Amino acid sequence: YATAKVDIKQSEEFESLLQKAHDDRLNNLENYTLPSPNWDVGRIKLSGNVTPAEVYNGHSLERLRPGGYYSPSDCHAREKLAVIVPYRGRRRQLVILLFHLHNILQRQQRNYAIFVVEMAFPTVFNRGLLANAGYITARQTGKFSCIIVHDVDLLPVNDHNIYTCGKHPRHLNVNSSKYGYNSYVGGVTALRAAQYEKINGFSNAYFGWGKEDDDLYKRMTKEGYRIERPAHEIGIYEEIRKSRADFSNPNNPFSDSLLSRADKRMKQDGVRRVLYRRLTLEYRQLFTWVYISTSELDVMKFIYAVDPELKKSYDRLKLPK
């Protein structure tokens, strides 16, 4: 397994971003019109290049318990929601997302916690495996009944888009400035715990960018689920712009081969068997931090054992042309 140490510098930079957002907010109150957490506002106006100060609301943050936990005091929520954010190295985007989600989820009176699941270097980023590790941690620590896997760079801009689970899996970002297509279920996806387990969660095989959400769609439809979506004018999301290129999440040249044979692995490759080591479980002010390591070599050895033909396909792709 990859060895890793907690990056203290990253932690300090994260805290400094929180403080800067707080200070900017206080110094520029006349420029911001963010409502109280108790107001139901519908469409939210965000600038084209949103800043942490723009979505900072101290009232929301004061209501949190350690680990980014919140439960409304004036009603009994019907479900317990875990928001899982697969993450690596996008601190500014993460701060903006956390500020924004805490505002919205409290206005929606959700009983929730936010889990930020981070993969240690040197392993290539793997969104599906991180989501599975987050699901396992959430179920172990809080018995959450509704799971929402959330990209770090997508902001909901209508708080009538309720963060809840349904009889079928729900795809929340139907109108996104990032991307989308008819069978697309990536970005922000809600599943009941029973649904997550029935489809065996995400595949663990997609290291690098691409296709893990298409694999998820195949799992959902194979188990007879249809995809529920909010109305187009409700499921609106804006992408948080990156400040620099993300070299830790390169395109996966084998993703098409993995996807073409996804049905061969669904029962064995998923949340029922996730090869990782949890390095840290830390209850921070705004979120629960889950820091893990894994070995791409070990994961793919298992994948090849489940589907030997996939290894042959990989070997053919590696041959010089």
C-alpha atoms as a PDB file:
ATOM      1  CA  TYR A   1       0.000   0.000   0.000  1.00  0.00           C
ATOM      2  CA  ALA A   2       1.054   3.577  -0.617  1.00  0.00           C
ATOM      3  CA  THR A   3       2.531   5.193   2.458  1.00  0.00           C
ATOM      4  CA  ALA A   4       1.433   8.713   3.327  1.00  0.00           C
ATOM      5  CA  LYS A   5       1.701  11.369   5.992  1.00  0.00           C
ATOM      6  CA  VAL A   6      -0.830  14.022   6.905  1.00  0.00           C
ATOM      7  CA  ASP A   7       0.119  17.236   5.102  1.00  0.00           C
ATOM      8  CA  ILE A   8       0.199  19.803   7.923  1.00  0.00           C
ATOM      9  CA  LYS A   9       0.803  22.632   5.445  1.00  0.00           C
ATOM     10  CA  GLN A  10      -2.406  21.779   3.592  1.00  0.00           C
ATOM     11  CA  SER A  11      -4.313  21.794   6.897  1.00  0.00           C
ATOM     12  CA  GLU A  12      -2.915  25.219   7.805  1.00  0.00           C
ATOM     13  CA  GLU A  13      -3.750  26.630   4.354  1.00  0.00           C
ATOM     14  CA  PHE A  14      -7.309  25.319   4.676  1.00  0.00           C
ATOM     15  CA  GLU A  15      -7.750  27.073   8.024  1.00  0.00           C
ATOM     16  CA  SER A  16      -6.323  30.284   6.586  1.00  0.00           C
ATOM     17  CA  LEU A  17      -8.901  30.154   3.768  1.00  0.00           C
ATOM     18  CA  LEU A  18     -11.663  29.897   6.375  1.00  0.00           C
ATOM     19  CA  GLN A  19     -10.321  32.891   8.260  1.00  0.00           C
ATOM     20  CA  LYS A  20      -9.863  34.955   5.098  1.00  0.00           C
ATOM     21  CA  ALA A  21     -13.460  34.268   4.015  1.00  0.00           C
ATOM     22  CA  HIS A  22     -14.685  35.347   7.430  1.00  0.00           C
ATOM     23  CA  ASP A  23     -12.635  38.571   7.352  1.00  0.00           C
ATOM     24  CA  ASP A  24     -13.619  39.406   3.765  1.00  0.00           C
ATOM     25  CA  ARG A  25     -17.258  38.905   4.649  1.00  0.00           C
ATOM     26  CA  LEU A  26     -17.082  41.285   7.597  1.00  0.00           C
ATOM     27  CA  ASN A  27     -15.207  43.928   5.616  1.00  0.00           C
ATOM     28  CA  ASN A  28     -17.585  43.864   2.634  1.00  0.00           C
ATOM     29  CA  LEU A  29     -21.030  43.247   4.096  1.00  0.00           C
ATOM     30  CA  GLU A  30     -22.699  45.719   1.725  1.00  0.00           C
ATOM     31  CA  ASN A  31     -21.639  43.612  -1.295  1.00  0.00           C
ATOM     32  CA  TYR A  32     -23.323  40.405  -0.171  1.00  0.00           C
ATOM     33  CA  THR A  33     -26.985  39.464   0.138  1.00  0.00           C
ATOM     34  CA  LEU A  34     -26.767  35.882   1.409  1.00  0.00           C
ATOM     35  CA  PRO A  35     -29.970  35.077   3.323  1.00  0.00           C
ATOM     36  CA  SER A  36     -30.333  33.657   6.790  1.00  0.00           C
ATOM     37  CA  PRO A  37     -30.029  29.840   6.954  1.00  0.00           C
ATOM     38  CA  ASN A  38     -33.741  29.708   7.863  1.00  0.00           C
ATOM     39  CA  TRP A  39     -34.965  31.312   4.657  1.00  0.00           C
ATOM     40  CA  ASP A  40     -36.159  29.324   1.654  1.00  0.00           C
ATOM     41  CA  VAL A  41     -34.966  31.415  -1.281  1.00  0.00           C
ATOM     42  CA  GLY A  42     -35.297  29.240  -4.410  1.00  0.00           C
ATOM     43  CA  ARG A  43     -32.849  30.400  -7.094  1.00  0.00           C
ATOM     44  CA  ILE A  44     -29.566  31.643  -5.604  1.00  0.00           C
ATOM     45  CA  LYS A  45     -27.586  34.347  -7.361  1.00  0.00           C
ATOM     46  CA  LEU A  46     -23.885  33.559  -7.593  1.00  0.00           C
ATOM     47  CA  SER A  47     -21.189  35.484  -9.398  1.00  0.00           C
ATOM     48  CA  GLY A  48     -19.474  33.963 -12.410  1.00  0.00           C
ATOM     49  CA  ASN A  49     -16.344  33.364 -10.346  1.00  0.00           C
ATOM     50  CA  VAL A  50     -17.643  32.644  -6.865  1.00  0.00           C
ATOM     51  CA  THR A  51     -15.367  33.327  -3.874  1.00  0.00           C
ATOM     52  CA  PRO A  52     -15.386  31.810  -0.377  1.00  0.00           C
ATOM     53  CA  ALA A  53     -16.544  35.139   1.098  1.00  0.00           C
ATOM     54  CA  GLU A  54     -19.541  35.211  -1.251  1.00  0.00           C
ATOM     55  CA  VAL A  55     -21.021  32.045   0.299  1.00  0.00           C
ATOM     56  CA  TYR A  56     -19.682  32.403   3.846  1.00  0.00           C
ATOM     57  CA  ASN A  57     -22.360  32.539   6.558  1.00  0.00           C
ATOM     58  CA  GLY A  58     -21.178  32.386  10.158  1.00  0.00           C
ATOM     59  CA  HIS A  59     -24.670  31.526  11.434  1.00  0.00           C
ATOM     60  CA  SER A  60     -24.636  28.227   9.521  1.00  0.00           C
ATOM     61  CA  LEU A  61     -21.169  27.302  10.750  1.00  0.00           C
ATOM     62  CA  GLU A  62     -21.992  28.076  14.389  1.00  0.00           C
ATOM     63  CA  ARG A  63     -24.760  25.490  14.326  1.00  0.00           C
ATOM     64  CA  LEU A  64     -22.470  22.627  13.351  1.00  0.00           C
ATOM     65  CA  ARG A  65     -21.241  19.886  15.628  1.00  0.00           C
ATOM     66  CA  PRO A  66     -17.704  18.506  15.153  1.00  0.00           C
ATOM     67  CA  GLY A  67     -17.394  16.570  11.924  1.00  0.00           C
ATOM     68  CA  GLY A  68     -19.760  18.833   9.967  1.00  0.00           C
ATOM     69  CA  TYR A  69     -22.833  17.329  11.652  1.00  0.00           C
ATOM     70  CA  TYR A  70     -26.149  19.172  11.865  1.00  0.00           C
ATOM     71  CA  SER A  71     -29.675  18.271  12.908  1.00  0.00           C
ATOM     72  CA  PRO A  72     -32.593  20.735  12.995  1.00  0.00           C
ATOM     73  CA  SER A  73     -33.858  21.668  16.447  1.00  0.00           C
ATOM     74  CA  ASP A  74     -37.469  22.364  15.467  1.00  0.00           C
ATOM     75  CA  CYS A  75     -38.365  19.243  13.484  1.00  0.00           C
ATOM     76  CA  HIS A  76     -37.582  15.539  13.189  1.00  0.00           C
ATOM     77  CA  ALA A  77     -35.897  14.698   9.871  1.00  0.00           C
ATOM     78  CA  ARG A  78     -37.134  11.484   8.247  1.00  0.00           C
ATOM     79  CA  GLU A  79     -33.707  10.379   7.058  1.00  0.00           C
ATOM     80  CA  LYS A  80     -30.077  10.790   8.025  1.00  0.00           C
ATOM     81  CA  LEU A  81     -28.028  12.155   5.144  1.00  0.00           C
ATOM     82  CA  ALA A  82     -24.310  11.634   4.458  1.00  0.00           C
ATOM     83  CA  VAL A  83     -22.784  13.860   1.782  1.00  0.00           C
ATOM     84  CA  ILE A  84     -19.599  12.181   0.502  1.00  0.00           C
ATOM     85  CA  VAL A  85     -17.073  14.355  -1.334  1.00  0.00           C
ATOM     86  CA  PRO A  86     -14.241  12.448  -3.097  1.00  0.00           C
ATOM     87  CA  TYR A  87     -11.323  14.842  -2.828  1.00  0.00           C
ATOM     88  CA  ARG A  88      -7.717  15.627  -3.520  1.00  0.00           C
ATOM     89  CA  GLY A  89      -5.864  18.940  -3.490  1.00  0.00           C
ATOM     90  CA  ARG A  90      -8.633  21.424  -4.379  1.00  0.00           C
ATOM     91  CA  ARG A  91      -8.754  23.366  -1.134  1.00  0.00           C
ATOM     92  CA  ARG A  92     -10.345  26.557  -2.475  1.00  0.00           C
ATOM     93  CA  GLN A  93     -13.122  24.628  -4.233  1.00  0.00           C
ATOM     94  CA  LEU A  94     -13.696  22.563  -1.100  1.00  0.00           C
ATOM     95  CA  VAL A  95     -14.045  25.627   1.138  1.00  0.00           C
ATOM     96  CA  ILE A  96     -16.591  27.185  -1.254  1.00  0.00           C
ATOM     97  CA  LEU A  97     -18.578  23.944  -1.513  1.00  0.00           C
ATOM     98  CA  LEU A  98     -18.651  23.434   2.261  1.00  0.00           C
ATOM     99  CA  PHE A  99     -19.816  26.982   3.001  1.00  0.00           C
ATOM    100  CA  HIS A 100     -22.496  26.721   0.326  1.00  0.00           C
ATOM    101  CA  LEU A 101     -23.768  23.237   1.232  1.00  0.00           C
ATOM    102  CA  HIS A 102     -24.052  24.024   4.938  1.00  0.00           C
ATOM    103  CA  ASN A 103     -26.204  27.055   4.075  1.00  0.00           C
ATOM    104  CA  ILE A 104     -28.495  25.098   1.761  1.00  0.00           C
ATOM    105  CA  LEU A 105     -28.812  21.893   3.792  1.00  0.00           C
ATOM    106  CA  GLN A 106     -29.729  23.836   6.919  1.00  0.00           C
ATOM    107  CA  ARG A 107     -32.375  25.821   5.023  1.00  0.00           C
ATOM    108  CA  GLN A 108     -33.733  22.466   3.822  1.00  0.00           C
ATOM    109  CA  GLN A 109     -33.720  21.247   7.458  1.00  0.00           C
ATOM    110  CA  ARG A 110     -31.704  18.165   6.645  1.00  0.00           C
ATOM    111  CA  ASN A 111     -30.204  15.946   9.351  1.00  0.00           C
ATOM    112  CA  TYR A 112     -26.767  15.531   7.778  1.00  0.00           C
ATOM    113  CA  ALA A 113     -23.005  15.290   7.912  1.00  0.00           C
ATOM    114  CA  ILE A 114     -20.376  15.962   5.251  1.00  0.00           C
ATOM    115  CA  PHE A 115     -17.555  13.447   4.692  1.00  0.00           C
ATOM    116  CA  VAL A 116     -14.500  14.571   2.728  1.00  0.00           C
ATOM    117  CA  VAL A 117     -12.687  11.435   1.561  1.00  0.00           C
ATOM    118  CA  GLU A 118      -9.128  12.084   0.419  1.00  0.00           C
ATOM    119  CA  MET A 119      -6.715   9.711  -1.328  1.00  0.00           C
ATOM    120  CA  ALA A 120      -3.035   9.769  -0.384  1.00  0.00           C
ATOM    121  CA  PHE A 121      -0.334  10.088  -2.997  1.00  0.00           C
ATOM    122  CA  PRO A 122       1.213   8.523  -5.036  1.00  0.00           C
ATOM    123  CA  THR A 123      -1.874   6.597  -6.161  1.00  0.00           C
ATOM    124  CA  VAL A 124      -3.850   8.069  -9.060  1.00  0.00           C
ATOM    125  CA  PHE A 125      -7.203   9.552  -8.039  1.00  0.00           C
ATOM    126  CA  ASN A 126     -10.098   7.076  -7.981  1.00  0.00           C
ATOM    127  CA  ARG A 127     -13.505   8.679  -7.414  1.00  0.00           C
ATOM    128  CA  GLY A 128     -15.451   5.423  -7.183  1.00  0.00           C
ATOM    129  CA  LEU A 129     -13.148   3.826  -4.615  1.00  0.00           C
ATOM    130  CA  LEU A 130     -13.217   7.031  -2.542  1.00  0.00           C
ATOM    131  CA  ALA A 131     -17.025   7.044  -2.638  1.00  0.00           C
ATOM    132  CA  ASN A 132     -17.088   3.422  -1.448  1.00  0.00           C
ATOM    133  CA  ALA A 133     -14.649   4.166   1.394  1.00  0.00           C
ATOM    134  CA  GLY A 134     -16.807   7.143   2.361  1.00  0.00           C
ATOM    135  CA  TYR A 135     -19.951   5.024   2.316  1.00  0.00           C
ATOM    136  CA  ILE A 136     -18.354   2.394   4.576  1.00  0.00           C
ATOM    137  CA  THR A 137     -17.154   5.068   7.018  1.00  0.00           C
ATOM    138  CA  ALA A 138     -20.519   6.826   7.099  1.00  0.00           C
ATOM    139  CA  ARG A 139     -22.392   3.603   7.815  1.00  0.00           C
ATOM    140  CA  GLN A 140     -19.897   2.622  10.513  1.00  0.00           C
ATOM    141  CA  THR A 141     -19.950   5.974  12.287  1.00  0.00           C
ATOM    142  CA  GLY A 142     -23.516   7.173  11.926  1.00  0.00           C
ATOM    143  CA  LYS A 143     -25.855   4.622  10.314  1.00  0.00           C
ATOM    144  CA  PHE A 144     -26.772   7.090   7.589  1.00  0.00           C
ATOM    145  CA  SER A 145     -29.754   6.052   5.483  1.00  0.00           C
ATOM    146  CA  CYS A 146     -29.286   8.400   2.496  1.00  0.00           C
ATOM    147  CA  ILE A 147     -25.988   8.812   0.655  1.00  0.00           C
ATOM    148  CA  ILE A 148     -25.166  11.662  -1.729  1.00  0.00           C
ATOM    149  CA  VAL A 149     -21.874  11.437  -3.639  1.00  0.00           C
ATOM    150  CA  HIS A 150     -20.919  15.000  -4.543  1.00  0.00           C
ATOM    151  CA  ASP A 151     -18.218  16.430  -6.838  1.00  0.00           C
ATOM    152  CA  VAL A 152     -16.149  19.103  -5.114  1.00  0.00           C
ATOM    153  CA  ASP A 153     -16.545  21.588  -7.975  1.00  0.00           C
ATOM    154  CA  LEU A 154     -20.352  21.692  -8.355  1.00  0.00           C
ATOM    155  CA  LEU A 155     -22.582  24.197  -6.556  1.00  0.00           C
ATOM    156  CA  PRO A 156     -26.383  23.826  -6.447  1.00  0.00           C
ATOM    157  CA  VAL A 157     -27.985  27.178  -7.246  1.00  0.00           C
ATOM    158  CA  ASN A 158     -31.600  26.445  -6.333  1.00  0.00           C
ATOM    159  CA  ASP A 159     -32.378  25.317  -2.808  1.00  0.00           C
ATOM    160  CA  HIS A 160     -35.683  23.822  -3.977  1.00  0.00           C
ATOM    161  CA  ASN A 161     -33.440  21.017  -5.242  1.00  0.00           C
ATOM    162  CA  ILE A 162     -33.952  18.960  -2.095  1.00  0.00           C
ATOM    163  CA  TYR A 163     -31.027  16.820  -0.985  1.00  0.00           C
ATOM    164  CA  THR A 164     -32.944  13.649  -0.246  1.00  0.00           C
ATOM    165  CA  CYS A 165     -33.229  10.049  -1.471  1.00  0.00           C
ATOM    166  CA  GLY A 166     -36.177   8.431  -3.252  1.00  0.00           C
ATOM    167  CA  LYS A 167     -37.610   5.078  -4.260  1.00  0.00           C
ATOM    168  CA  HIS A 168     -35.048   5.055  -7.080  1.00  0.00           C
ATOM    169  CA  PRO A 169     -31.567   6.600  -7.305  1.00  0.00           C
ATOM    170  CA  ARG A 170     -31.713  10.366  -7.850  1.00  0.00           C
ATOM    171  CA  HIS A 171     -29.460  12.384 -10.136  1.00  0.00           C
ATOM    172  CA  LEU A 172     -29.556  15.954  -8.844  1.00  0.00           C
ATOM    173  CA  ASN A 173     -27.458  17.985 -11.314  1.00  0.00           C
ATOM    174  CA  VAL A 174     -29.588  17.742 -14.434  1.00  0.00           C
ATOM    175  CA  ASN A 175     -28.784  21.287 -15.599  1.00  0.00           C
ATOM    176  CA  SER A 176     -25.059  21.812 -15.163  1.00  0.00           C
ATOM    177  CA  SER A 177     -22.512  24.209 -16.592  1.00  0.00           C
ATOM    178  CA  LYS A 178     -20.031  21.310 -16.385  1.00  0.00           C
ATOM    179  CA  TYR A 179     -21.475  18.573 -18.625  1.00  0.00           C
ATOM    180  CA  GLY A 180     -24.354  16.130 -18.967  1.00  0.00           C
ATOM    181  CA  TYR A 181     -26.077  13.589 -21.240  1.00  0.00           C
ATOM    182  CA  ASN A 182     -29.124  11.346 -21.021  1.00  0.00           C
ATOM    183  CA  SER A 183     -27.430   8.436 -19.222  1.00  0.00           C
ATOM    184  CA  TYR A 184     -25.197  10.696 -17.141  1.00  0.00           C
ATOM    185  CA  VAL A 185     -25.482  10.130 -13.379  1.00  0.00           C
ATOM    186  CA  GLY A 186     -22.206  11.700 -12.269  1.00  0.00           C
ATOM    187  CA  GLY A 187     -21.597  14.919 -10.394  1.00  0.00           C
ATOM    188  CA  VAL A 188     -24.221  14.695  -7.628  1.00  0.00           C
ATOM    189  CA  THR A 189     -26.019  11.387  -7.079  1.00  0.00           C
ATOM    190  CA  ALA A 190     -28.319  10.326  -4.214  1.00  0.00           C
ATOM    191  CA  LEU A 191     -28.943   6.700  -3.207  1.00  0.00           C
ATOM    192  CA  ARG A 192     -30.544   5.089  -0.212  1.00  0.00           C
ATOM    193  CA  ALA A 193     -28.166   2.828   1.672  1.00  0.00           C
ATOM    194  CA  ALA A 194     -30.137  -0.223   0.528  1.00  0.00           C
ATOM    195  CA  GLN A 195     -29.865   0.928  -3.100  1.00  0.00           C
ATOM    196  CA  TYR A 196     -26.142   1.533  -2.754  1.00  0.00           C
ATOM    197  CA  GLU A 197     -25.623  -1.975  -1.438  1.00  0.00           C
ATOM    198  CA  LYS A 198     -27.940  -3.610  -3.979  1.00  0.00           C
ATOM    199  CA  ILE A 199     -25.923  -2.209  -6.910  1.00  0.00           C
ATOM    200  CA  ASN A 200     -22.670  -2.958  -5.008  1.00  0.00           C
ATOM    201  CA  GLY A 201     -21.762   0.740  -4.964  1.00  0.00           C
ATOM    202  CA  PHE A 202     -19.209   2.079  -7.416  1.00  0.00           C
ATOM    203  CA  SER A 203     -16.613   0.064  -9.282  1.00  0.00           C
ATOM    204  CA  ASN A 204     -13.153   0.317  -7.701  1.00  0.00           C
ATOM    205  CA  ALA A 205     -11.347  -0.125 -11.027  1.00  0.00           C
ATOM    206  CA  TYR A 206     -11.390   3.385 -12.514  1.00  0.00           C
ATOM    207  CA  PHE A 207      -8.094   5.064 -11.641  1.00  0.00           C
ATOM    208  CA  GLY A 208      -7.937   8.491 -13.272  1.00  0.00           C
ATOM    209  CA  TRP A 209     -10.675  10.527 -14.907  1.00  0.00           C
ATOM    210  CA  GLY A 210     -13.694   9.100 -16.661  1.00  0.00           C
ATOM    211  CA  LYS A 211     -16.369   6.398 -16.979  1.00  0.00           C
ATOM    212  CA  GLU A 212     -16.927   5.469 -13.307  1.00  0.00           C
ATOM    213  CA  ASP A 213     -20.290   7.279 -13.465  1.00  0.00           C
ATOM    214  CA  ASP A 214     -21.255   5.467 -16.683  1.00  0.00           C
ATOM    215  CA  ASP A 215     -20.411   2.211 -14.914  1.00  0.00           C
ATOM    216  CA  LEU A 216     -22.659   3.338 -12.044  1.00  0.00           C
ATOM    217  CA  TYR A 217     -25.521   3.939 -14.483  1.00  0.00           C
ATOM    218  CA  LYS A 218     -25.144   0.385 -15.796  1.00  0.00           C
ATOM    219  CA  ARG A 219     -25.321  -0.949 -12.239  1.00  0.00           C
ATOM    220  CA  MET A 220     -28.483   1.006 -11.530  1.00  0.00           C
ATOM    221  CA  THR A 221     -30.323  -0.070 -14.673  1.00  0.00           C
ATOM    222  CA  LYS A 222     -29.185  -3.700 -14.328  1.00  0.00           C
ATOM    223  CA  GLU A 223     -30.892  -3.834 -10.930  1.00  0.00           C
ATOM    224  CA  GLY A 224     -34.103  -2.457 -12.414  1.00  0.00           C
ATOM    225  CA  TYR A 225     -33.838   1.102 -11.159  1.00  0.00           C
ATOM    226  CA  ARG A 226     -34.894   4.122 -13.136  1.00  0.00           C
ATOM    227  CA  ILE A 227     -33.198   7.457 -12.504  1.00  0.00           C
ATOM    228  CA  GLU A 228     -35.221  10.164 -10.744  1.00  0.00           C
ATOM    229  CA  ARG A 229     -34.328  13.771 -11.546  1.00  0.00           C
ATOM    230  CA  PRO A 230     -35.599  17.181 -10.424  1.00  0.00           C
ATOM    231  CA  ALA A 231     -37.121  19.573 -12.944  1.00  0.00           C
ATOM    232  CA  HIS A 232     -34.634  21.191 -15.323  1.00  0.00           C
ATOM    233  CA  GLU A 233     -35.132  24.633 -13.771  1.00  0.00           C
ATOM    234  CA  ILE A 234     -34.547  23.214 -10.262  1.00  0.00           C
ATOM    235  CA  GLY A 235     -31.524  20.930 -10.767  1.00  0.00           C
ATOM    236  CA  ILE A 236     -29.189  23.771 -11.741  1.00  0.00           C
ATOM    237  CA  TYR A 237     -25.496  23.680 -10.819  1.00  0.00           C
ATOM    238  CA  GLU A 238     -22.544  25.960 -11.453  1.00  0.00           C
ATOM    239  CA  GLU A 239     -18.978  24.708 -11.751  1.00  0.00           C
ATOM    240  CA  ILE A 240     -16.366  26.229  -9.441  1.00  0.00           C
ATOM    241  CA  ARG A 241     -13.457  27.186 -11.630  1.00  0.00           C
ATOM    242  CA  LYS A 242     -10.110  25.514 -10.988  1.00  0.00           C
ATOM    243  CA  SER A 243      -7.160  27.749 -10.172  1.00  0.00           C
ATOM    244  CA  ARG A 244      -4.727  25.317 -11.825  1.00  0.00           C
ATOM    245  CA  ALA A 245      -4.619  22.068 -13.799  1.00  0.00           C
ATOM    246  CA  ASP A 246      -5.221  18.827 -11.897  1.00  0.00           C
ATOM    247  CA  PHE A 247      -2.381  16.469 -12.794  1.00  0.00           C
ATOM    248  CA  SER A 248      -3.349  13.901 -10.143  1.00  0.00           C
ATOM    249  CA  ASN A 249      -6.465  12.875 -12.098  1.00  0.00           C
ATOM    250  CA  PRO A 250      -5.306  12.082 -15.667  1.00  0.00           C
ATOM    251  CA  ASN A 251      -7.490  10.455 -18.294  1.00  0.00           C
ATOM    252  CA  ASN A 252      -7.638   6.684 -17.944  1.00  0.00           C
ATOM    253  CA  PRO A 253      -6.691   5.177 -21.343  1.00  0.00           C
ATOM    254  CA  PHE A 254      -8.312   1.856 -20.360  1.00  0.00           C
ATOM    255  CA  SER A 255     -11.656   3.245 -19.173  1.00  0.00           C
ATOM    256  CA  ASP A 256     -13.517   2.214 -22.342  1.00  0.00           C
ATOM    257  CA  SER A 257     -12.315  -1.381 -21.929  1.00  0.00           C
ATOM    258  CA  LEU A 258     -13.392  -1.359 -18.291  1.00  0.00           C
ATOM    259  CA  LEU A 259     -16.813   0.002 -19.159  1.00  0.00           C
ATOM    260  CA  SER A 260     -17.393  -2.447 -22.030  1.00  0.00           C
ATOM    261  CA  ARG A 261     -16.960  -5.364 -19.618  1.00  0.00           C
ATOM    262  CA  ALA A 262     -18.563  -3.749 -16.558  1.00  0.00           C
ATOM    263  CA  ASP A 263     -21.351  -6.327 -16.334  1.00  0.00           C
ATOM    264  CA  LYS A 264     -18.753  -9.103 -15.855  1.00  0.00           C
ATOM    265  CA  ARG A 265     -17.533  -7.572 -12.570  1.00  0.00           C
ATOM    266  CA  MET A 266     -20.532  -5.937 -10.940  1.00  0.00           C
ATOM    267  CA  LYS A 267     -21.177  -8.570  -8.288  1.00  0.00           C
ATOM    268  CA  GLN A 268     -17.538  -8.787  -7.136  1.00  0.00           C
ATOM    269  CA  ASP A 269     -16.128  -5.320  -7.898  1.00  0.00           C
ATOM    270  CA  GLY A 270     -17.696  -2.726  -5.622  1.00  0.00           C
ATOM    271  CA  VAL A 271     -18.428  -1.690  -2.066  1.00  0.00           C
ATOM    272  CA  ARG A 272     -18.550  -5.292  -0.829  1.00  0.00           C
ATOM    273  CA  ARG A 273     -14.783  -5.554  -1.381  1.00  0.00           C
ATOM    274  CA  VAL A 274     -12.764  -2.340  -1.213  1.00  0.00           C
ATOM    275  CA  LEU A 275      -8.982  -2.593  -0.876  1.00  0.00           C
ATOM    276  CA  TYR A 276      -7.828   0.439   1.090  1.00  0.00           C
ATOM    277  CA  ARG A 277      -6.327   1.503   4.393  1.00  0.00           C
ATOM    278  CA  ARG A 278      -7.856   4.285   6.464  1.00  0.00           C
ATOM    279  CA  LEU A 279      -5.003   6.500   7.646  1.00  0.00           C
ATOM    280  CA  THR A 280      -7.017   9.177   9.433  1.00  0.00           C
ATOM    281  CA  LEU A 281     -10.561   9.724  10.650  1.00  0.00           C
ATOM    282  CA  GLU A 282     -10.806  13.261  11.985  1.00  0.00           C
ATOM    283  CA  TYR A 283     -13.838  15.288  13.064  1.00  0.00           C
ATOM    284  CA  ARG A 284     -13.094  18.803  11.850  1.00  0.00           C
ATOM    285  CA  GLN A 285     -15.220  21.921  12.197  1.00  0.00           C
ATOM    286  CA  LEU A 286     -16.919  21.739   8.801  1.00  0.00           C
ATOM    287  CA  PHE A 287     -16.554  18.085   7.818  1.00  0.00           C
ATOM    288  CA  THR A 288     -15.408  14.607   8.747  1.00  0.00           C
ATOM    289  CA  TRP A 289     -12.032  13.971   7.130  1.00  0.00           C
ATOM    290  CA  VAL A 290     -11.406  10.411   5.901  1.00  0.00           C
ATOM    291  CA  TYR A 291      -7.831  10.012   4.637  1.00  0.00           C
ATOM    292  CA  ILE A 292      -7.066   6.713   2.881  1.00  0.00           C
ATOM    293  CA  SER A 293      -4.374   4.963   0.903  1.00  0.00           C
ATOM    294  CA  THR A 294      -4.663   2.166  -1.622  1.00  0.00           C
ATOM    295  CA  SER A 295      -2.591   0.307  -4.179  1.00  0.00           C
ATOM    296  CA  GLU A 296      -3.643   0.425  -7.809  1.00  0.00           C
ATOM    297  CA  LEU A 297      -1.591  -2.727  -8.393  1.00  0.00           C
ATOM    298  CA  ASP A 298      -3.458  -4.696  -5.713  1.00  0.00           C
ATOM    299  CA  VAL A 299      -6.860  -3.434  -6.822  1.00  0.00           C
ATOM    300  CA  MET A 300      -6.231  -4.318 -10.461  1.00  0.00           C
ATOM    301  CA  LYS A 301      -4.879  -7.757  -9.552  1.00  0.00           C
ATOM    302  CA  PHE A 302      -8.264  -8.466  -8.004  1.00  0.00           C
ATOM    303  CA  ILE A 303     -10.089  -7.024 -11.046  1.00  0.00           C
ATOM    304  CA  TYR A 304      -8.067  -9.235 -13.412  1.00  0.00           C
ATOM    305  CA  ALA A 305      -8.823 -12.293 -11.252  1.00  0.00           C
ATOM    306  CA  VAL A 306     -12.543 -11.543 -11.572  1.00  0.00           C
ATOM    307  CA  ASP A 307     -12.318 -10.918 -15.338  1.00  0.00           C
ATOM    308  CA  PRO A 308      -9.198 -12.480 -16.929  1.00  0.00           C
ATOM    309  CA  GLU A 309     -10.261 -11.335 -20.401  1.00  0.00           C
ATOM    310  CA  LEU A 310      -9.893  -7.734 -19.258  1.00  0.00           C
ATOM    311  CA  LYS A 311      -6.184  -8.314 -18.609  1.00  0.00           C
ATOM    312  CA  LYS A 312      -5.777  -9.579 -22.182  1.00  0.00           C
ATOM    313  CA  SER A 313      -7.537  -6.489 -23.475  1.00  0.00           C
ATOM    314  CA  TYR A 314      -5.203  -4.263 -21.429  1.00  0.00           C
ATOM    315  CA  ASP A 315      -2.156  -6.075 -22.737  1.00  0.00           C
ATOM    316  CA  ARG A 316      -3.292  -5.563 -26.323  1.00  0.00           C
ATOM    317  CA  LEU A 317      -3.759  -1.840 -25.719  1.00  0.00           C
ATOM    318  CA  LYS A 318      -0.241  -1.563 -24.306  1.00  0.00           C
ATOM    319  CA  LEU A 319       1.373  -3.156 -27.358  1.00  0.00           C
ATOM    320  CA  PRO A 320       3.304  -0.668 -29.522  1.00  0.00           C
ATOM    321  CA  LYS A 321       1.567   0.216 -32.770  1.00  0.00           C
END
